[in-house]
Amino acid sequence: MKRLALFALLLVSCASKPRSPMQSLAWVAGDWVGSGGGYTAFYERYTIEKDGSMAMEFFDDAEFTKRNATGTIRLEGDVIRYRSGRSMWEASNVKKDEVCFAPKEGAKNSFCWLRHSKDAWRATLQYPAPRERSVVYELKRRP
C-alpha cells in the first residue's frame, strides 16, 4: 500500500511540472553532417545551454574547427524563436518529432525539421514567390 501511495505522489508531482516547449527540440542536440540542396556536405552543431536555450554553430569543415556562423533557439515568453545573423523565425508548429518555423524579421523562407530517428532528420526550406521553391537537406549524426 505504501508503494502505491508513493507512486501516486510521484505521478502527481511529475504531472504538475509543465514541460517546456524547448524540450521538444532536444533531439536536435549534437553534431550533424548534412547534404542536399547542391551541397555535398555541411556541418552543424546544436548545444543545449544551461538556461534551456540552444546554441547553434555552423562549420566549413568535417573536424568542426572552422566556424562560419552561429545562432540561437530560445523560448521568449511563450514563443520559440530561432535567430541567426539579422534574421529571426518563430516556431509555428512544435510536435514531438517535428518543428516548423515561419519568417518574422530579415528572413523570407520558412522551414520544417522532421526527425526520422535518433541519428537522422530532414530540413525542408520553403522559399516564396517569385522564385518559389523547396530545398531539402538530409542530416545524419556525426560518427
Protein backbone atom coordinates (compact mmCIF):
# COMPACT_ATOMS: atom_id res chain seq x y z
CA MET A 1 0.00 0.00 0.00
CA LYS A 2 2.87 2.39 0.82
CA ARG A 3 4.39 1.75 -2.62
CA LEU A 4 1.12 2.60 -4.34
CA ALA A 5 0.80 5.85 -2.36
CA LEU A 6 4.41 6.79 -3.17
CA PHE A 7 3.85 6.02 -6.87
CA ALA A 8 0.68 8.16 -6.92
CA LEU A 9 2.56 11.03 -5.24
CA LEU A 10 5.33 10.74 -7.83
CA LEU A 11 2.81 10.83 -10.68
CA VAL A 12 1.13 13.93 -9.28
CA SER A 13 4.44 15.77 -8.81
CA CYS A 14 5.59 14.91 -12.34
CA ALA A 15 2.28 15.92 -13.86
CA SER A 16 2.33 19.28 -12.07
CA LYS A 17 5.61 20.37 -13.69
CA PRO A 18 4.86 21.86 -17.12
CA ARG A 19 7.03 20.62 -19.97
CA SER A 20 8.92 23.40 -21.72
CA PRO A 21 8.30 23.60 -25.48
CA MET A 22 12.10 23.71 -25.86
CA GLN A 23 12.28 20.12 -24.55
CA SER A 24 10.51 19.07 -27.75
CA LEU A 25 13.63 20.15 -29.66
CA ALA A 26 16.17 18.28 -27.52
CA TRP A 27 16.52 15.63 -30.24
CA VAL A 28 18.40 18.10 -32.46
CA ALA A 29 21.25 18.49 -29.92
CA GLY A 30 24.55 17.12 -31.23
CA ASP A 31 26.91 17.30 -34.19
CA TRP A 32 25.41 16.77 -37.65
CA VAL A 33 26.67 16.26 -41.19
CA GLY A 34 24.21 17.46 -43.80
CA SER A 35 23.85 17.15 -47.54
CA GLY A 36 21.42 18.23 -50.24
CA GLY A 37 20.46 21.48 -51.89
CA GLY A 38 23.61 21.48 -54.00
CA TYR A 39 25.93 20.73 -51.05
CA THR A 40 27.90 17.51 -50.86
CA ALA A 41 28.40 18.15 -47.13
CA PHE A 42 27.91 20.81 -44.46
CA TYR A 43 28.40 20.69 -40.70
CA GLU A 44 26.22 21.88 -37.82
CA ARG A 45 26.33 21.68 -34.02
CA TYR A 46 23.39 22.23 -31.67
CA THR A 47 24.13 22.52 -27.93
CA ILE A 48 21.60 22.83 -25.11
CA GLU A 49 22.68 25.65 -22.78
CA LYS A 50 22.17 25.85 -19.00
CA ASP A 51 19.25 28.27 -19.43
CA GLY A 52 17.43 25.78 -21.71
CA SER A 53 18.16 27.67 -24.93
CA MET A 54 20.05 26.05 -27.79
CA ALA A 55 23.26 27.39 -29.31
CA MET A 56 23.85 26.67 -32.99
CA GLU A 57 27.20 26.64 -34.76
CA PHE A 58 27.82 26.11 -38.46
CA PHE A 59 31.19 24.91 -39.75
CA ASP A 60 33.09 24.73 -43.03
CA ASP A 61 34.97 21.56 -42.13
CA ALA A 62 34.32 17.98 -41.01
CA GLU A 63 36.54 18.50 -37.95
CA PHE A 64 34.18 21.23 -36.65
CA THR A 65 37.04 23.73 -36.23
CA LYS A 66 36.25 26.43 -38.84
CA ARG A 67 33.07 28.06 -37.60
CA ASN A 68 31.36 30.29 -40.19
CA ALA A 69 28.12 31.29 -38.42
CA THR A 70 26.18 30.99 -35.17
CA GLY A 71 22.62 31.26 -33.98
CA THR A 72 20.29 30.56 -31.07
CA ILE A 73 16.96 28.91 -30.45
CA ARG A 74 15.24 30.08 -27.30
CA LEU A 75 11.89 30.37 -25.66
CA GLU A 76 10.93 34.05 -25.42
CA GLY A 77 7.71 34.36 -23.48
CA ASP A 78 5.61 31.57 -24.94
CA VAL A 79 7.22 31.63 -28.42
CA ILE A 80 10.24 29.66 -29.63
CA ARG A 81 12.49 31.92 -31.70
CA TYR A 82 15.35 30.92 -33.99
CA ARG A 83 17.87 33.72 -34.59
CA SER A 84 20.84 33.67 -36.91
CA GLY A 85 22.59 36.80 -38.11
CA ARG A 86 19.97 39.51 -38.63
CA SER A 87 17.20 37.02 -39.32
CA MET A 88 14.56 35.65 -36.96
CA TRP A 89 11.95 32.92 -37.32
CA GLU A 90 9.22 31.83 -34.91
CA ALA A 91 8.09 28.26 -34.33
CA SER A 92 4.66 27.85 -35.86
CA ASN A 93 4.25 24.15 -35.18
CA VAL A 94 6.02 22.13 -32.47
CA LYS A 95 5.47 18.39 -32.18
CA LYS A 96 7.46 15.54 -30.70
CA ASP A 97 9.44 14.82 -33.90
CA GLU A 98 8.81 17.94 -35.96
CA VAL A 99 9.09 21.71 -35.70
CA CYS A 100 8.28 24.34 -38.31
CA PHE A 101 9.49 27.94 -38.32
CA ALA A 102 7.96 30.95 -40.08
CA PRO A 103 9.94 34.09 -41.00
CA LYS A 104 9.47 37.14 -38.74
CA GLU A 105 12.41 39.52 -39.29
CA GLY A 106 15.00 39.71 -42.05
CA ALA A 107 14.04 36.32 -43.50
CA LYS A 108 11.73 35.24 -46.29
CA ASN A 109 11.85 31.45 -46.16
CA SER A 110 10.07 29.11 -43.80
CA PHE A 111 11.42 25.71 -42.80
CA CYS A 112 10.49 22.47 -41.06
CA TRP A 113 12.67 19.91 -39.31
CA LEU A 114 11.44 16.33 -39.21
CA ARG A 115 13.23 13.68 -37.13
CA HIS A 116 13.49 10.25 -38.75
CA SER A 117 15.48 8.55 -35.96
CA LYS A 118 17.87 9.50 -33.17
CA ASP A 119 20.59 9.75 -35.82
CA ALA A 120 18.81 11.32 -38.82
CA TRP A 121 16.50 14.22 -39.64
CA ARG A 122 15.40 16.30 -42.61
CA ALA A 123 15.25 20.07 -43.03
CA THR A 124 12.87 21.33 -45.72
CA LEU A 125 13.16 25.01 -46.63
CA GLN A 126 10.31 26.70 -48.47
CA TYR A 127 11.03 29.89 -50.42
CA PRO A 128 8.21 32.24 -51.50
CA ALA A 129 7.43 33.71 -54.93
CA PRO A 130 8.75 34.94 -57.26
CA ARG A 131 11.31 32.10 -57.12
CA GLU A 132 9.04 29.75 -55.23
CA ARG A 133 10.83 26.51 -54.46
CA SER A 134 11.61 23.90 -51.80
CA VAL A 135 15.07 22.72 -50.80
CA VAL A 136 15.57 19.51 -48.81
CA TYR A 137 18.60 18.76 -46.64
CA GLU A 138 19.30 15.40 -45.00
CA LEU A 139 21.25 15.43 -41.73
CA LYS A 140 22.98 12.50 -40.10
CA ARG A 141 24.60 12.42 -36.68
CA ARG A 142 28.37 12.83 -36.88
CA PRO A 143 30.06 9.47 -36.23
